[in-house]
Amino acid sequence: MGLRTQHGRSTSAARRHVPRPAQNGRGLQNTPLDCTSGRTTSVMTVLLKAQTYVSHVRQKEIGMRVGMTIERSRAKP
């Protein structure tokens, strides 16, 4: 990963969670915009990771299906 900061977190993790008060549960002290933006970015990264994983699995399935359909279409004529 990255070099460790004084908080014990790696720098990449610190970079990912830039708005720290939103993650610490002190979101009420922030402006509402900052709080929501921090939460949405973290949610977006999680969703993006899930999406890439799902799409990777789907691509395998779709590839198999496409291969089967191509074989069928070749066998017909």
PDB file of N, CA and C in Angstrom:
ATOM      1  N   MET A   1       0.853  -1.202   0.000  1.00  0.00           N
ATOM      2  CA  MET A   1       0.000   0.000   0.000  1.00  0.00           C
ATOM      3  C   MET A   1       0.888   1.251   0.000  1.00  0.00           C
ATOM      4  N   GLY A   2       0.467   2.259   0.778  1.00  0.00           N
ATOM      5  CA  GLY A   2       1.262   3.480   0.835  1.00  0.00           C
ATOM      6  C   GLY A   2       2.068   3.535   2.116  1.00  0.00           C
ATOM      7  N   LEU A   3       2.812   4.604   2.295  1.00  0.00           N
ATOM      8  CA  LEU A   3       3.552   4.794   3.538  1.00  0.00           C
ATOM      9  C   LEU A   3       2.582   5.086   4.668  1.00  0.00           C
ATOM     10  N   ARG A   4       2.931   4.623   5.876  1.00  0.00           N
ATOM     11  CA  ARG A   4       2.001   4.800   6.993  1.00  0.00           C
ATOM     12  C   ARG A   4       2.119   6.207   7.565  1.00  0.00           C
ATOM     13  N   THR A   5       0.974   6.808   7.866  1.00  0.00           N
ATOM     14  CA  THR A   5       0.961   8.136   8.475  1.00  0.00           C
ATOM     15  C   THR A   5       1.020   7.993   9.987  1.00  0.00           C
ATOM     16  N   GLN A   6       1.019   9.115  10.698  1.00  0.00           N
ATOM     17  CA  GLN A   6       1.123   9.053  12.154  1.00  0.00           C
ATOM     18  C   GLN A   6      -0.138   8.472  12.786  1.00  0.00           C
ATOM     19  N   HIS A   7      -1.244   8.431  12.038  1.00  0.00           N
ATOM     20  CA  HIS A   7      -2.477   7.869  12.584  1.00  0.00           C
ATOM     21  C   HIS A   7      -2.501   6.354  12.453  1.00  0.00           C
ATOM     22  N   GLY A   8      -1.512   5.765  11.796  1.00  0.00           N
ATOM     23  CA  GLY A   8      -1.499   4.325  11.622  1.00  0.00           C
ATOM     24  C   GLY A   8      -2.210   3.882  10.359  1.00  0.00           C
ATOM     25  N   ARG A   9      -2.890   4.793   9.700  1.00  0.00           N
ATOM     26  CA  ARG A   9      -3.532   4.479   8.431  1.00  0.00           C
ATOM     27  C   ARG A   9      -2.520   4.625   7.307  1.00  0.00           C
ATOM     28  N   SER A  10      -2.693   3.837   6.264  1.00  0.00           N
ATOM     29  CA  SER A  10      -1.841   4.049   5.099  1.00  0.00           C
ATOM     30  C   SER A  10      -2.298   5.309   4.372  1.00  0.00           C
ATOM     31  N   THR A  11      -1.393   5.901   3.613  1.00  0.00           N
ATOM     32  CA  THR A  11      -1.700   7.175   2.965  1.00  0.00           C
ATOM     33  C   THR A  11      -2.807   7.007   1.940  1.00  0.00           C
ATOM     34  N   SER A  12      -2.868   5.841   1.295  1.00  0.00           N
ATOM     35  CA  SER A  12      -3.915   5.633   0.294  1.00  0.00           C
ATOM     36  C   SER A  12      -5.286   5.654   0.954  1.00  0.00           C
ATOM     37  N   ALA A  13      -5.396   5.054   2.136  1.00  0.00           N
ATOM     38  CA  ALA A  13      -6.676   5.069   2.852  1.00  0.00           C
ATOM     39  C   ALA A  13      -7.015   6.493   3.269  1.00  0.00           C
ATOM     40  N   ALA A  14      -6.014   7.232   3.727  1.00  0.00           N
ATOM     41  CA  ALA A  14      -6.247   8.620   4.133  1.00  0.00           C
ATOM     42  C   ALA A  14      -6.683   9.442   2.923  1.00  0.00           C
ATOM     43  N   ARG A  15      -6.111   9.152   1.765  1.00  0.00           N
ATOM     44  CA  ARG A  15      -6.484   9.879   0.568  1.00  0.00           C
ATOM     45  C   ARG A  15      -7.914   9.540   0.159  1.00  0.00           C
ATOM     46  N   ARG A  16      -8.294   8.285   0.350  1.00  0.00           N
ATOM     47  CA  ARG A  16      -9.636   7.882  -0.039  1.00  0.00           C
ATOM     48  C   ARG A  16     -10.688   8.580   0.813  1.00  0.00           C
ATOM     49  N   HIS A  17     -10.442   8.639   2.118  1.00  0.00           N
ATOM     50  CA  HIS A  17     -11.414   9.260   3.028  1.00  0.00           C
ATOM     51  C   HIS A  17     -10.933  10.666   3.361  1.00  0.00           C
ATOM     52  N   VAL A  18     -11.000  11.561   2.390  1.00  0.00           N
ATOM     53  CA  VAL A  18     -10.509  12.922   2.620  1.00  0.00           C
ATOM     54  C   VAL A  18     -11.370  13.662   3.633  1.00  0.00           C
ATOM     55  N   PRO A  19     -12.707  13.705   3.496  1.00  0.00           N
ATOM     56  CA  PRO A  19     -13.496  14.377   4.530  1.00  0.00           C
ATOM     57  C   PRO A  19     -13.614  13.499   5.767  1.00  0.00           C
ATOM     58  N   ARG A  20     -12.638  13.607   6.679  1.00  0.00           N
ATOM     59  CA  ARG A  20     -12.580  12.683   7.799  1.00  0.00           C
ATOM     60  C   ARG A  20     -13.728  12.843   8.802  1.00  0.00           C
ATOM     61  N   PRO A  21     -14.156  14.078   9.145  1.00  0.00           N
ATOM     62  CA  PRO A  21     -15.234  14.212  10.139  1.00  0.00           C
ATOM     63  C   PRO A  21     -16.516  13.490   9.738  1.00  0.00           C
ATOM     64  N   ALA A  22     -16.781  13.385   8.442  1.00  0.00           N
ATOM     65  CA  ALA A  22     -17.975  12.672   7.997  1.00  0.00           C
ATOM     66  C   ALA A  22     -17.859  11.190   8.344  1.00  0.00           C
ATOM     67  N   GLN A  23     -16.650  10.632   8.244  1.00  0.00           N
ATOM     68  CA  GLN A  23     -16.466   9.218   8.560  1.00  0.00           C
ATOM     69  C   GLN A  23     -16.447   8.978  10.068  1.00  0.00           C
ATOM     70  N   ASN A  24     -16.034   9.983  10.830  1.00  0.00           N
ATOM     71  CA  ASN A  24     -15.902   9.794  12.267  1.00  0.00           C
ATOM     72  C   ASN A  24     -17.229   9.883  13.002  1.00  0.00           C
ATOM     73  N   GLY A  25     -18.308  10.170  12.299  1.00  0.00           N
ATOM     74  CA  GLY A  25     -19.594  10.291  12.952  1.00  0.00           C
ATOM     75  C   GLY A  25     -19.831  11.675  13.523  1.00  0.00           C
ATOM     76  N   ARG A  26     -18.922  12.633  13.244  1.00  0.00           N
ATOM     77  CA  ARG A  26     -19.123  14.019  13.683  1.00  0.00           C
ATOM     78  C   ARG A  26     -19.623  14.844  12.511  1.00  0.00           C
ATOM     79  N   GLY A  27     -20.429  14.235  11.658  1.00  0.00           N
ATOM     80  CA  GLY A  27     -20.873  14.906  10.445  1.00  0.00           C
ATOM     81  C   GLY A  27     -21.721  16.122  10.724  1.00  0.00           C
ATOM     82  N   LEU A  28     -22.332  16.198  11.923  1.00  0.00           N
ATOM     83  CA  LEU A  28     -23.187  17.340  12.243  1.00  0.00           C
ATOM     84  C   LEU A  28     -22.371  18.619  12.375  1.00  0.00           C
ATOM     85  N   GLN A  29     -21.093  18.498  12.742  1.00  0.00           N
ATOM     86  CA  GLN A  29     -20.251  19.687  12.883  1.00  0.00           C
ATOM     87  C   GLN A  29     -19.903  20.268  11.515  1.00  0.00           C
ATOM     88  N   ASN A  30     -19.902  19.426  10.501  1.00  0.00           N
ATOM     89  CA  ASN A  30     -19.559  19.913   9.163  1.00  0.00           C
ATOM     90  C   ASN A  30     -20.718  20.693   8.576  1.00  0.00           C
ATOM     91  N   THR A  31     -20.462  21.322   7.451  1.00  0.00           N
ATOM     92  CA  THR A  31     -21.569  21.828   6.653  1.00  0.00           C
ATOM     93  C   THR A  31     -22.267  20.612   6.048  1.00  0.00           C
ATOM     94  N   PRO A  32     -23.581  20.670   5.850  1.00  0.00           N
ATOM     95  CA  PRO A  32     -24.287  19.502   5.323  1.00  0.00           C
ATOM     96  C   PRO A  32     -23.740  19.038   3.976  1.00  0.00           C
ATOM     97  N   LEU A  33     -23.346  19.998   3.146  1.00  0.00           N
ATOM     98  CA  LEU A  33     -22.825  19.655   1.824  1.00  0.00           C
ATOM     99  C   LEU A  33     -21.570  18.797   1.952  1.00  0.00           C
ATOM    100  N   ASP A  34     -20.652  19.217   2.829  1.00  0.00           N
ATOM    101  CA  ASP A  34     -19.399  18.498   3.004  1.00  0.00           C
ATOM    102  C   ASP A  34     -19.667  17.086   3.508  1.00  0.00           C
ATOM    103  N   CYS A  35     -20.566  16.985   4.471  1.00  0.00           N
ATOM    104  CA  CYS A  35     -20.890  15.693   5.064  1.00  0.00           C
ATOM    105  C   CYS A  35     -21.437  14.748   3.994  1.00  0.00           C
ATOM    106  N   THR A  36     -22.427  15.234   3.241  1.00  0.00           N
ATOM    107  CA  THR A  36     -23.042  14.372   2.237  1.00  0.00           C
ATOM    108  C   THR A  36     -22.039  14.016   1.148  1.00  0.00           C
ATOM    109  N   SER A  37     -21.213  14.984   0.748  1.00  0.00           N
ATOM    110  CA  SER A  37     -20.255  14.701  -0.321  1.00  0.00           C
ATOM    111  C   SER A  37     -19.273  13.630   0.143  1.00  0.00           C
ATOM    112  N   GLY A  38     -18.835  13.705   1.383  1.00  0.00           N
ATOM    113  CA  GLY A  38     -17.922  12.695   1.912  1.00  0.00           C
ATOM    114  C   GLY A  38     -18.556  11.319   1.921  1.00  0.00           C
ATOM    115  N   ARG A  39     -19.797  11.262   2.369  1.00  0.00           N
ATOM    116  CA  ARG A  39     -20.488   9.970   2.425  1.00  0.00           C
ATOM    117  C   ARG A  39     -20.722   9.434   1.027  1.00  0.00           C
ATOM    118  N   THR A  40     -21.177  10.305   0.122  1.00  0.00           N
ATOM    119  CA  THR A  40     -21.497   9.821  -1.219  1.00  0.00           C
ATOM    120  C   THR A  40     -20.244   9.326  -1.932  1.00  0.00           C
ATOM    121  N   THR A  41     -19.117   9.994  -1.733  1.00  0.00           N
ATOM    122  CA  THR A  41     -17.903   9.543  -2.420  1.00  0.00           C
ATOM    123  C   THR A  41     -17.510   8.155  -1.926  1.00  0.00           C
ATOM    124  N   SER A  42     -17.600   7.921  -0.609  1.00  0.00           N
ATOM    125  CA  SER A  42     -17.240   6.602  -0.084  1.00  0.00           C
ATOM    126  C   SER A  42     -18.217   5.556  -0.604  1.00  0.00           C
ATOM    127  N   VAL A  43     -19.506   5.912  -0.632  1.00  0.00           N
ATOM    128  CA  VAL A  43     -20.507   4.981  -1.162  1.00  0.00           C
ATOM    129  C   VAL A  43     -20.240   4.705  -2.631  1.00  0.00           C
ATOM    130  N   MET A  44     -19.876   5.751  -3.364  1.00  0.00           N
ATOM    131  CA  MET A  44     -19.614   5.588  -4.788  1.00  0.00           C
ATOM    132  C   MET A  44     -18.437   4.649  -5.022  1.00  0.00           C
ATOM    133  N   THR A  45     -17.375   4.776  -4.210  1.00  0.00           N
ATOM    134  CA  THR A  45     -16.228   3.885  -4.398  1.00  0.00           C
ATOM    135  C   THR A  45     -16.645   2.448  -4.140  1.00  0.00           C
ATOM    136  N   VAL A  46     -17.446   2.240  -3.088  1.00  0.00           N
ATOM    137  CA  VAL A  46     -17.901   0.877  -2.774  1.00  0.00           C
ATOM    138  C   VAL A  46     -18.745   0.339  -3.918  1.00  0.00           C
ATOM    139  N   LEU A  47     -19.676   1.160  -4.398  1.00  0.00           N
ATOM    140  CA  LEU A  47     -20.539   0.731  -5.497  1.00  0.00           C
ATOM    141  C   LEU A  47     -19.713   0.451  -6.745  1.00  0.00           C
ATOM    142  N   LEU A  48     -18.713   1.295  -6.987  1.00  0.00           N
ATOM    143  CA  LEU A  48     -17.884   1.121  -8.170  1.00  0.00           C
ATOM    144  C   LEU A  48     -17.138  -0.211  -8.106  1.00  0.00           C
ATOM    145  N   LYS A  49     -16.582  -0.525  -6.921  1.00  0.00           N
ATOM    146  CA  LYS A  49     -15.880  -1.798  -6.763  1.00  0.00           C
ATOM    147  C   LYS A  49     -16.834  -2.961  -6.985  1.00  0.00           C
ATOM    148  N   ALA A  50     -18.031  -2.867  -6.378  1.00  0.00           N
ATOM    149  CA  ALA A  50     -19.019  -3.932  -6.556  1.00  0.00           C
ATOM    150  C   ALA A  50     -19.395  -4.057  -8.027  1.00  0.00           C
ATOM    151  N   GLN A  51     -19.574  -2.922  -8.688  1.00  0.00           N
ATOM    152  CA  GLN A  51     -19.965  -2.915 -10.099  1.00  0.00           C
ATOM    153  C   GLN A  51     -18.895  -3.590 -10.953  1.00  0.00           C
ATOM    154  N   THR A  52     -17.633  -3.258 -10.704  1.00  0.00           N
ATOM    155  CA  THR A  52     -16.565  -3.846 -11.518  1.00  0.00           C
ATOM    156  C   THR A  52     -16.513  -5.352 -11.300  1.00  0.00           C
ATOM    157  N   TYR A  53     -16.689  -5.787 -10.036  1.00  0.00           N
ATOM    158  CA  TYR A  53     -16.668  -7.224  -9.754  1.00  0.00           C
ATOM    159  C   TYR A  53     -17.820  -7.919 -10.464  1.00  0.00           C
ATOM    160  N   VAL A  54     -19.026  -7.330 -10.335  1.00  0.00           N
ATOM    161  CA  VAL A  54     -20.210  -7.938 -10.944  1.00  0.00           C
ATOM    162  C   VAL A  54     -20.060  -7.971 -12.457  1.00  0.00           C
ATOM    163  N   SER A  55     -19.585  -6.860 -13.030  1.00  0.00           N
ATOM    164  CA  SER A  55     -19.448  -6.806 -14.482  1.00  0.00           C
ATOM    165  C   SER A  55     -18.419  -7.840 -14.945  1.00  0.00           C
ATOM    166  N   HIS A  56     -17.368  -8.057 -14.144  1.00  0.00           N
ATOM    167  CA  HIS A  56     -16.362  -9.059 -14.486  1.00  0.00           C
ATOM    168  C   HIS A  56     -16.996 -10.444 -14.539  1.00  0.00           C
ATOM    169  N   VAL A  57     -17.812 -10.754 -13.518  1.00  0.00           N
ATOM    170  CA  VAL A  57     -18.487 -12.058 -13.487  1.00  0.00           C
ATOM    171  C   VAL A  57     -19.465 -12.166 -14.644  1.00  0.00           C
ATOM    172  N   ARG A  58     -20.198 -11.077 -14.900  1.00  0.00           N
ATOM    173  CA  ARG A  58     -21.191 -11.077 -15.980  1.00  0.00           C
ATOM    174  C   ARG A  58     -20.509 -11.274 -17.328  1.00  0.00           C
ATOM    175  N   GLN A  59     -19.355 -10.631 -17.497  1.00  0.00           N
ATOM    176  CA  GLN A  59     -18.647 -10.749 -18.777  1.00  0.00           C
ATOM    177  C   GLN A  59     -18.327 -12.205 -19.080  1.00  0.00           C
ATOM    178  N   LYS A  60     -17.942 -12.959 -18.057  1.00  0.00           N
ATOM    179  CA  LYS A  60     -17.668 -14.383 -18.265  1.00  0.00           C
ATOM    180  C   LYS A  60     -18.931 -15.084 -18.747  1.00  0.00           C
ATOM    181  N   GLU A  61     -20.058 -14.834 -18.029  1.00  0.00           N
ATOM    182  CA  GLU A  61     -21.323 -15.473 -18.411  1.00  0.00           C
ATOM    183  C   GLU A  61     -21.722 -15.073 -19.825  1.00  0.00           C
ATOM    184  N   ILE A  62     -21.645 -13.762 -20.109  1.00  0.00           N
ATOM    185  CA  ILE A  62     -22.048 -13.266 -21.430  1.00  0.00           C
ATOM    186  C   ILE A  62     -21.142 -13.861 -22.504  1.00  0.00           C
ATOM    187  N   GLY A  63     -19.849 -13.942 -22.214  1.00  0.00           N
ATOM    188  CA  GLY A  63     -18.917 -14.519 -23.172  1.00  0.00           C
ATOM    189  C   GLY A  63     -19.274 -15.959 -23.498  1.00  0.00           C
ATOM    190  N   MET A  64     -19.634 -16.735 -22.460  1.00  0.00           N
ATOM    191  CA  MET A  64     -20.043 -18.120 -22.680  1.00  0.00           C
ATOM    192  C   MET A  64     -21.303 -18.169 -23.535  1.00  0.00           C
ATOM    193  N   ARG A  65     -22.278 -17.296 -23.200  1.00  0.00           N
ATOM    194  CA  ARG A  65     -23.538 -17.273 -23.957  1.00  0.00           C
ATOM    195  C   ARG A  65     -23.283 -16.921 -25.417  1.00  0.00           C
ATOM    196  N   VAL A  66     -22.462 -15.886 -25.628  1.00  0.00           N
ATOM    197  CA  VAL A  66     -22.178 -15.445 -26.998  1.00  0.00           C
ATOM    198  C   VAL A  66     -21.497 -16.569 -27.769  1.00  0.00           C
ATOM    199  N   GLY A  67     -20.554 -17.241 -27.128  1.00  0.00           N
ATOM    200  CA  GLY A  67     -19.876 -18.357 -27.779  1.00  0.00           C
ATOM    201  C   GLY A  67     -20.855 -19.444 -28.179  1.00  0.00           C
ATOM    202  N   MET A  68     -21.797 -19.764 -27.277  1.00  0.00           N
ATOM    203  CA  MET A  68     -22.789 -20.799 -27.572  1.00  0.00           C
ATOM    204  C   MET A  68     -23.688 -20.376 -28.724  1.00  0.00           C
ATOM    205  N   THR A  69     -24.128 -19.106 -28.709  1.00  0.00           N
ATOM    206  CA  THR A  69     -25.022 -18.640 -29.781  1.00  0.00           C
ATOM    207  C   THR A  69     -24.295 -18.636 -31.119  1.00  0.00           C
ATOM    208  N   ILE A  70     -23.011 -18.279 -31.113  1.00  0.00           N
ATOM    209  CA  ILE A  70     -22.238 -18.272 -32.362  1.00  0.00           C
ATOM    210  C   ILE A  70     -22.134 -19.698 -32.898  1.00  0.00           C
ATOM    211  N   GLU A  71     -21.877 -20.655 -32.014  1.00  0.00           N
ATOM    212  CA  GLU A  71     -21.790 -22.049 -32.448  1.00  0.00           C
ATOM    213  C   GLU A  71     -23.118 -22.516 -33.036  1.00  0.00           C
ATOM    214  N   ARG A  72     -24.221 -22.134 -32.375  1.00  0.00           N
ATOM    215  CA  ARG A  72     -25.549 -22.523 -32.875  1.00  0.00           C
ATOM    216  C   ARG A  72     -25.795 -21.937 -34.261  1.00  0.00           C
ATOM    217  N   SER A  73     -25.482 -20.632 -34.415  1.00  0.00           N
ATOM    218  CA  SER A  73     -25.748 -19.982 -35.704  1.00  0.00           C
ATOM    219  C   SER A  73     -24.874 -20.603 -36.800  1.00  0.00           C
ATOM    220  N   ARG A  74     -23.694 -21.051 -36.459  1.00  0.00           N
ATOM    221  CA  ARG A  74     -22.826 -21.700 -37.454  1.00  0.00           C
ATOM    222  C   ARG A  74     -23.376 -23.075 -37.819  1.00  0.00           C
ATOM    223  N   ALA A  75     -23.944 -23.765 -36.838  1.00  0.00           N
ATOM    224  CA  ALA A  75     -24.442 -25.118 -37.083  1.00  0.00           C
ATOM    225  C   ALA A  75     -25.697 -25.109 -37.953  1.00  0.00           C
ATOM    226  N   LYS A  76     -26.491 -24.022 -37.898  1.00  0.00           N
ATOM    227  CA  LYS A  76     -27.763 -23.980 -38.639  1.00  0.00           C
ATOM    228  C   LYS A  76     -27.570 -24.087 -40.162  1.00  0.00           C
ATOM    229  N   PRO A  77     -26.752 -23.251 -40.797  1.00  0.00           N
ATOM    230  CA  PRO A  77     -26.659 -23.329 -42.268  1.00  0.00           C
ATOM    231  C   PRO A  77     -25.700 -24.438 -42.718  1.00  0.00           C
TER     232      PRO A  77
END
